[in-house]
Protein backbone atom coordinates (compact mmCIF):
# COMPACT_ATOMS: atom_id res chain seq x y z
CA MET A 1 0.00 0.00 0.00
CA THR A 2 1.26 3.48 -0.79
CA PRO A 3 1.19 6.30 1.77
CA GLU A 4 -1.37 8.05 -0.46
CA VAL A 5 -3.80 5.13 -0.28
CA LEU A 6 -3.20 4.83 3.46
CA ARG A 7 -3.97 8.50 4.13
CA ALA A 8 -7.03 8.45 1.89
CA ALA A 9 -8.29 5.33 3.73
CA ILE A 10 -7.90 6.99 7.13
CA ASP A 11 -9.56 10.22 6.00
CA MET A 12 -12.46 8.28 4.48
CA ALA A 13 -12.86 6.16 7.63
CA VAL A 14 -12.94 9.25 9.85
CA ALA A 15 -15.61 10.88 7.69
CA MET A 16 -17.70 7.69 7.68
CA ASN A 17 -17.35 7.24 11.43
CA GLN A 18 -18.38 10.81 12.19
CA ARG A 19 -21.38 10.41 9.89
CA GLU A 20 -22.54 6.93 10.91
CA ARG A 21 -21.19 6.53 14.47
CA PRO A 22 -20.62 10.05 15.85
CA GLY A 23 -18.80 10.17 19.14
CA LEU A 24 -17.61 6.56 18.99
CA SER A 25 -14.02 5.36 18.72
CA LEU A 26 -12.81 4.34 15.27
CA GLY A 27 -10.89 1.07 14.93
CA ILE A 28 -7.86 0.81 12.67
CA VAL A 29 -6.79 -2.79 11.97
CA PHE A 30 -3.48 -3.70 10.34
CA PHE A 31 -3.56 -7.00 8.45
CA GLY A 32 -1.73 -8.86 5.71
CA GLY A 33 0.12 -11.03 4.80
CA GLU A 34 2.38 -10.03 7.63
CA PRO A 35 1.67 -6.38 8.51
CA LEU A 36 4.91 -5.86 10.46
CA LEU A 37 6.79 -6.08 7.16
CA ARG A 38 5.52 -2.52 6.66
CA ARG A 39 6.17 -1.09 10.08
CA ASP A 40 6.91 2.24 8.42
CA LEU A 41 3.31 2.47 7.21
CA ILE A 42 1.96 1.44 10.61
CA HIS A 43 3.92 4.27 12.25
CA GLN A 44 2.69 6.67 9.59
CA ALA A 45 -0.92 5.62 10.15
CA LEU A 46 -0.62 6.04 13.91
CA ALA A 47 0.97 9.48 13.52
CA TRP A 48 -1.81 10.66 11.20
CA CYS A 49 -4.50 9.30 13.51
CA ARG A 50 -3.00 11.14 16.48
CA GLU A 51 -2.94 14.36 14.48
CA ILE A 52 -6.63 13.87 13.66
CA GLU A 53 -7.35 13.02 17.30
CA THR A 54 -5.75 16.29 18.42
CA SER A 55 -7.45 18.46 15.82
CA THR A 56 -10.95 16.91 15.78
CA GLY A 57 -11.38 14.93 19.01
CA GLN A 58 -12.02 11.73 17.03
CA LEU A 59 -10.93 8.77 19.18
CA PHE A 60 -9.12 5.73 17.73
CA HIS A 61 -8.21 2.22 18.79
CA TYR A 62 -5.80 -0.07 16.98
CA LYS A 63 -5.30 -3.79 16.39
CA ILE A 64 -2.79 -5.92 14.56
CA THR A 65 -2.74 -9.64 13.79
CA THR A 66 0.82 -10.89 13.33
CA ASN A 67 2.66 -14.17 12.93
CA GLY A 68 5.04 -12.85 15.59
CA THR A 69 8.35 -13.30 13.78
CA LEU A 70 8.94 -9.53 13.65
CA LEU A 71 7.26 -8.64 16.94
CA ASP A 72 9.95 -7.12 19.17
CA GLU A 73 10.21 -5.32 22.49
CA GLU A 74 10.29 -1.94 20.79
CA PHE A 75 6.89 -2.43 19.16
CA LEU A 76 5.36 -3.60 22.43
CA THR A 77 6.79 -0.79 24.56
CA SER A 78 7.33 2.21 22.29
CA PRO A 79 5.00 5.16 23.07
CA GLU A 80 4.01 5.16 19.40
CA THR A 81 2.80 1.54 19.31
CA ARG A 82 2.27 0.34 22.87
CA ASP A 83 -1.50 0.92 22.72
CA VAL A 84 -1.89 -1.31 19.62
CA PHE A 85 -3.87 -4.45 20.53
CA VAL A 86 -1.84 -7.47 19.36
CA ALA A 87 -3.18 -10.87 18.35
CA MET A 88 -0.76 -13.66 17.40
CA SER A 89 -1.27 -16.41 14.86
CA HIS A 90 0.22 -19.65 16.20
CA ASP A 91 -0.81 -23.24 15.46
CA GLY A 92 0.36 -24.84 18.70
CA LEU A 93 2.72 -27.80 18.92
CA ARG A 94 5.85 -27.76 16.77
CA GLU A 95 4.50 -30.54 14.52
CA SER A 96 1.35 -28.55 13.83
CA HIS A 97 2.80 -25.06 13.68
CA ASP A 98 5.79 -25.80 11.47
CA ALA A 99 3.66 -27.70 8.95
CA HIS A 100 2.23 -24.41 7.66
CA ARG A 101 3.84 -21.46 9.50
CA VAL A 102 7.16 -21.16 7.68
CA ASP A 103 9.49 -18.30 6.78
CA ALA A 104 10.59 -17.20 3.33
CA ALA A 105 13.23 -19.96 3.31
CA GLY A 106 10.61 -22.60 4.09
CA GLN A 107 11.81 -23.13 7.66
CA GLY A 108 9.33 -23.60 10.49
CA THR A 109 9.02 -20.69 12.91
CA PHE A 110 8.11 -22.50 16.14
CA ASP A 111 11.51 -22.04 17.82
CA ARG A 112 11.71 -18.37 16.81
CA LEU A 113 8.38 -17.68 18.49
CA GLU A 114 9.17 -19.16 21.90
CA PRO A 115 10.80 -15.96 23.26
CA VAL A 116 8.23 -13.85 21.39
CA ILE A 117 5.36 -15.50 23.29
CA ASP A 118 7.05 -14.68 26.60
CA ARG A 119 7.64 -11.10 25.47
CA LEU A 120 4.09 -10.63 24.21
CA LEU A 121 2.34 -12.03 27.28
CA ALA A 122 4.60 -10.07 29.64
CA ARG A 123 3.44 -6.86 27.96
CA ARG A 124 -0.03 -7.91 26.77
CA PRO A 125 -1.36 -10.60 29.15
CA TYR A 126 -4.77 -10.62 27.42
CA ALA A 127 -3.38 -11.03 23.89
CA PRO A 128 -5.39 -13.65 21.99
CA VAL A 129 -3.83 -16.46 20.02
CA LEU A 130 -5.37 -17.57 16.72
CA LEU A 131 -4.95 -21.26 15.88
CA VAL A 132 -5.90 -22.78 12.51
CA THR A 133 -6.42 -26.54 12.21
CA ASN A 134 -5.77 -28.32 8.92
CA PRO A 135 -6.59 -31.89 7.87
CA ASP A 136 -2.89 -32.82 7.97
CA THR A 137 -2.42 -31.39 11.49
CA VAL A 138 -5.79 -32.19 13.08
CA GLN A 139 -4.28 -34.99 15.19
CA TYR A 140 -2.35 -32.32 17.12
CA PHE A 141 -5.31 -29.99 17.68
CA ALA A 142 -6.21 -30.79 21.31
CA ASN A 143 -2.62 -30.90 22.52
CA SER A 144 -1.87 -27.68 20.62
CA VAL A 145 -4.65 -25.92 22.51
CA ARG A 146 -3.33 -27.32 25.79
CA TYR A 147 0.19 -26.20 24.90
CA LEU A 148 -0.85 -22.62 24.12
CA HIS A 149 -2.89 -22.48 27.31
CA ARG A 150 0.10 -23.72 29.34
CA ARG A 151 2.24 -21.07 27.68
CA GLY A 152 -0.04 -18.45 29.19
CA PHE A 153 -2.62 -17.57 26.55
CA THR A 154 -6.06 -17.17 28.11
CA TYR A 155 -7.89 -16.15 24.92
CA LEU A 156 -7.74 -19.06 22.50
CA ILE A 157 -9.45 -18.49 19.15
CA THR A 158 -9.46 -21.63 17.00
CA THR A 159 -10.93 -22.47 13.63
CA PRO A 160 -10.61 -25.22 11.04
CA ASN A 161 -9.26 -24.22 7.66
CA TYR A 162 -12.60 -24.37 5.88
CA GLY A 163 -10.93 -24.01 2.50
CA ALA A 164 -8.87 -27.21 2.93
CA GLU A 165 -9.73 -30.69 1.68
CA TRP A 166 -11.38 -32.42 4.66
CA ASP A 167 -12.55 -36.02 4.29
CA GLU A 168 -14.43 -38.46 6.53
CA ARG A 169 -11.24 -39.63 8.20
CA SER A 170 -9.96 -36.15 9.07
CA LEU A 171 -13.42 -35.05 10.27
CA ALA A 172 -13.65 -38.14 12.49
CA GLU A 173 -10.28 -37.17 13.97
CA LEU A 174 -11.55 -33.62 14.49
CA ARG A 175 -14.44 -35.06 16.51
CA ARG A 176 -12.01 -37.05 18.68
CA GLN A 177 -9.93 -33.94 19.27
CA TYR A 178 -12.96 -31.90 20.35
CA GLN A 179 -14.01 -34.71 22.68
CA SER A 180 -10.58 -34.58 24.26
CA LEU A 181 -10.87 -30.80 24.58
CA GLY A 182 -14.26 -31.28 26.23
CA GLY A 183 -12.50 -33.09 29.07
CA TRP A 184 -9.79 -30.42 29.23
CA TYR A 185 -12.37 -27.61 29.35
CA TYR A 186 -14.35 -29.33 32.11
CA GLU A 187 -11.30 -29.95 34.29
CA ALA A 188 -9.99 -26.41 33.80
CA MET A 189 -13.35 -24.92 34.74
CA MET A 190 -13.53 -27.15 37.82
CA ARG A 191 -10.13 -25.74 38.82
CA GLU A 192 -11.67 -22.27 38.32
CA GLU A 193 -9.16 -21.25 35.67
CA LYS A 194 -10.32 -18.17 33.78
CA PHE A 195 -9.89 -18.48 30.02
CA TYR A 196 -11.82 -18.20 26.76
CA PHE A 197 -11.91 -21.08 24.27
CA SER A 198 -13.87 -19.78 21.30
CA PRO A 199 -15.56 -22.93 19.87
CA PHE A 200 -17.12 -23.88 23.21
CA GLU A 201 -17.86 -20.38 24.49
CA VAL A 202 -19.77 -19.41 21.34
CA LYS A 203 -21.82 -22.60 21.21
CA ILE A 204 -22.60 -22.59 24.93
CA GLY A 205 -23.63 -18.95 24.54
CA SER A 206 -25.97 -19.87 21.70
CA HIS A 207 -27.79 -22.21 24.09
CA VAL A 208 -27.87 -19.82 27.05
CA ARG A 209 -28.99 -16.95 24.80
CA PRO A 210 -31.10 -18.49 22.02
CA GLY A 211 -30.72 -16.71 18.73
CA SER A 212 -27.45 -15.03 19.71
CA CYS A 213 -25.61 -16.50 16.71
CA LYS A 214 -28.17 -15.00 14.36
CA ALA A 215 -28.31 -11.75 16.31
CA GLU A 216 -24.52 -11.51 16.13
CA ARG A 217 -24.53 -12.31 12.41
CA CYS A 218 -21.63 -11.46 10.14
CA GLU A 219 -21.64 -7.69 9.69
CA LEU A 220 -20.25 -7.97 6.13
CA GLY A 221 -19.38 -4.39 5.24
CA ARG A 222 -21.70 -2.82 7.82
CA THR A 223 -19.27 -2.08 10.63
CA GLN A 224 -15.91 -2.90 9.08
CA ILE A 225 -14.48 -2.00 5.69
CA SER A 226 -11.27 -3.57 4.39
CA VAL A 227 -8.88 -1.72 2.09
CA ALA A 228 -6.83 -3.46 -0.57
CA PRO A 229 -3.31 -2.19 -1.35
CA ASN A 230 -4.61 -0.51 -4.51
CA GLY A 231 -7.29 1.36 -2.54
CA LYS A 232 -10.33 -0.72 -3.44
CA LEU A 233 -12.81 -1.33 -0.64
CA TYR A 234 -14.22 -4.71 0.39
CA PRO A 235 -16.65 -5.84 3.11
CA CYS A 236 -14.10 -8.12 4.85
CA VAL A 237 -10.42 -9.07 4.72
CA GLN A 238 -11.44 -12.42 3.19
CA PHE A 239 -12.41 -10.59 0.00
CA VAL A 240 -9.35 -8.43 -0.50
CA GLY A 241 -6.89 -10.69 -2.34
CA ASP A 242 -4.94 -8.63 -4.86
CA GLY A 243 -7.67 -6.02 -5.11
CA THR A 244 -8.93 -7.05 -8.55
CA ASP A 245 -12.14 -8.87 -7.54
CA ASP A 246 -14.77 -6.36 -8.63
CA GLU A 247 -17.71 -8.65 -7.80
CA TYR A 248 -17.29 -7.86 -4.11
CA ALA A 249 -15.73 -4.40 -4.35
CA ILE A 250 -17.79 -1.66 -2.69
CA GLY A 251 -15.89 1.42 -3.79
CA ASP A 252 -12.39 2.83 -3.33
CA VAL A 253 -10.68 5.20 -0.93
CA PHE A 254 -10.58 8.09 -3.41
CA SER A 255 -14.18 8.08 -4.68
CA GLY A 256 -15.71 6.62 -1.50
CA ILE A 257 -18.19 3.87 -0.66
CA ASP A 258 -20.64 2.54 -3.22
CA ALA A 259 -23.59 2.50 -0.80
CA GLU A 260 -25.81 0.46 -3.12
CA ALA A 261 -23.20 -2.30 -3.53
CA ARG A 262 -22.43 -2.24 0.19
CA TRP A 263 -26.01 -2.75 1.36
CA ARG A 264 -26.85 -5.17 -1.46
CA LEU A 265 -24.11 -7.53 -0.25
CA TYR A 266 -25.16 -7.06 3.38
CA ALA A 267 -28.79 -7.88 2.57
CA ALA A 268 -27.86 -10.88 0.42
CA ASN A 269 -25.70 -12.25 3.22
CA GLY A 270 -28.60 -11.99 5.68
CA GLU A 271 -30.94 -14.14 3.61
CA GLU A 272 -31.51 -17.68 4.88
CA LYS A 273 -29.53 -20.21 2.87
CA GLU A 274 -31.75 -22.73 1.11
CA SER A 275 -29.62 -25.64 2.28
CA CYS A 276 -30.02 -24.50 5.92
CA ALA A 277 -33.74 -23.77 6.04
CA GLU A 278 -34.76 -27.09 7.62
CA CYS A 279 -31.66 -27.64 9.75
CA ALA A 280 -32.33 -28.12 13.47
CA ILE A 281 -29.21 -26.22 14.54
CA ARG A 282 -29.35 -23.36 12.05
CA ASP A 283 -29.90 -20.76 14.80
CA ARG A 284 -26.75 -21.94 16.59
CA CYS A 285 -24.61 -22.28 13.50
CA ASN A 286 -22.00 -20.03 11.88
CA HIS A 287 -23.50 -20.36 8.41
CA TYR A 288 -24.49 -16.67 8.58
CA CYS A 289 -20.85 -15.65 8.02
CA GLY A 290 -20.54 -14.58 4.40
CA CYS A 291 -16.78 -14.08 4.80
CA LEU A 292 -16.32 -17.69 5.87
CA ASN A 293 -18.64 -18.94 3.12
CA ARG A 294 -16.68 -16.98 0.53
CA GLN A 295 -13.40 -18.45 1.81
CA ALA A 296 -14.72 -22.01 1.61
CA THR A 297 -16.98 -22.01 -1.45
CA GLY A 298 -16.27 -18.80 -3.36
CA ARG A 299 -19.81 -17.50 -2.69
CA ILE A 300 -21.43 -15.74 0.26
CA ASP A 301 -24.71 -17.62 -0.23
CA ARG A 302 -23.25 -21.13 -0.41
CA VAL A 303 -22.37 -22.87 2.86
CA SER A 304 -19.38 -25.18 3.01
CA PRO A 305 -20.13 -28.87 3.76
CA VAL A 306 -17.08 -28.71 6.06
CA LEU A 307 -18.73 -25.93 8.06
CA CYS A 308 -21.88 -28.04 8.41
CA ALA A 309 -19.82 -31.02 9.58
CA HIS A 310 -17.86 -28.88 12.05
CA GLU A 311 -20.97 -27.36 13.64
CA ARG A 312 -22.60 -30.79 14.01
CA ILE A 313 -19.44 -32.02 15.72
CA VAL A 314 -18.79 -29.17 18.13
CA ILE A 315 -22.32 -28.26 19.31
CA PRO A 316 -23.19 -31.59 21.02
CA ILE A 317 -19.76 -31.78 22.65
CA ALA A 318 -19.99 -28.21 23.99
CA ASP A 319 -23.52 -28.90 25.22
CA ARG A 320 -22.49 -32.02 27.13
CA VAL A 321 -19.63 -30.17 28.84
CA ALA A 322 -21.94 -27.28 29.74
CA GLU A 323 -24.56 -29.65 31.14
CA ARG A 324 -21.98 -31.34 33.37
CA LEU A 325 -20.72 -28.00 34.69
CA PHE A 326 -24.23 -26.67 35.25
CA LYS A 327 -25.23 -29.79 37.19
CA LYS A 328 -22.14 -29.31 39.35
CA ARG A 329 -23.26 -25.71 39.90
CA ASN A 330 -19.76 -24.68 38.92
CA ALA A 331 -19.57 -21.06 40.08
CA LEU A 332 -17.14 -19.89 37.39
CA PHE A 333 -19.18 -21.49 34.61
CA ILE A 334 -22.44 -19.90 35.80
CA HIS A 335 -20.77 -16.53 36.33
CA LYS A 336 -19.13 -16.71 32.92
CA HIS A 337 -22.18 -17.65 30.89
CA TYR A 338 -25.11 -16.21 32.83
CA ASN A 339 -23.73 -12.92 34.15
CA GLU A 340 -23.63 -10.26 31.43
CA LEU A 341 -21.21 -8.22 33.54
CA TYR A 342 -18.70 -11.09 33.76
CA PRO A 343 -16.09 -9.57 31.37
CA ILE A 344 -16.01 -6.33 33.37
CA VAL A 345 -16.00 -8.04 36.76
CA SER A 346 -13.30 -10.47 35.62
CA LEU A 347 -11.07 -7.65 34.40
CA LEU A 348 -11.49 -5.77 37.67
CA GLU A 349 -10.63 -8.91 39.63
CA ASP A 350 -7.49 -9.50 37.56
CA THR A 351 -6.43 -5.87 37.88
CA SER A 352 -6.86 -5.93 41.64
CA ARG A 353 -4.92 -9.18 41.90
CA ALA A 354 -2.09 -7.79 39.76
CA ARG A 355 -1.81 -4.70 41.93
CA ALA A 356 -1.75 -6.83 45.06
CA ASP A 357 1.02 -8.97 43.58
CA MET A 358 3.05 -5.84 42.78
CA ARG A 359 2.76 -4.70 46.39
């Protein structure tokens, strides 16, 4: 991306935010590829945003998703970047991570990230880790989650690679891995360990709050706009590619948003998929995510068979774990899933504990 495209994107985002969400903070997300390869542009973006903040009062918040290989102490502690929320992509055990997370020379990056994890969690204890499971690494899934949790990550976001070639054998192994993680989740909750494991938390939440999956549907272009390096606008990072896919383009940073294209895609994504209409778990399923559908099938209105298989695997396992914890009247489980103020209360508890430890 050129500095001209970057500045035009920020100016456009500020104008949109002040028009559509006046008074609310504007999020700037750096993504790639590996965004830290262009640290110069990140610094430029942050400098421009702070100028705008000073002159207009517009508030900003920032996020970056990185593979961690270029994440150093300076980025985590510098006054210019220390308020950037950092998420790390890491696939767990060496056998799993190094199968797909390699450097330009084709070498696995597991060993390089060991000190980076320590550095990140020392400075950002709530940093999430993003783990992708592939058919050729699925046998390591459960132990990879356990490993990352032992390393100190308390926010574990996991997803299968829906665009990969899954077969009956690899899906059966995925089921076994989730069953193993069901036992891990139960035991950790019984020990009152505070953490977030996305597949179970989301599905348990969809039972506790019926319709929450549909209510929290994919916002496809409604609340987040993604900018390609050439300045074209898309409704999600999954659509960006090289910036030449006009089917899903919704404008560019110089001429602005094509409102008709933006809302047409949003409305089309909200329509019930024909293949899902009679499904018993459709209201607890992630088939509403047009970004995920596009990644897996090339279309926002066509749901991946792998997604269907995944949801049918994970929902019953999450439900059984939740039922066991509820019957035990596990205080942390009930607090976590039935108290809407839990995230705030939990943060206050952790902050108080940290201050006590410092004293």
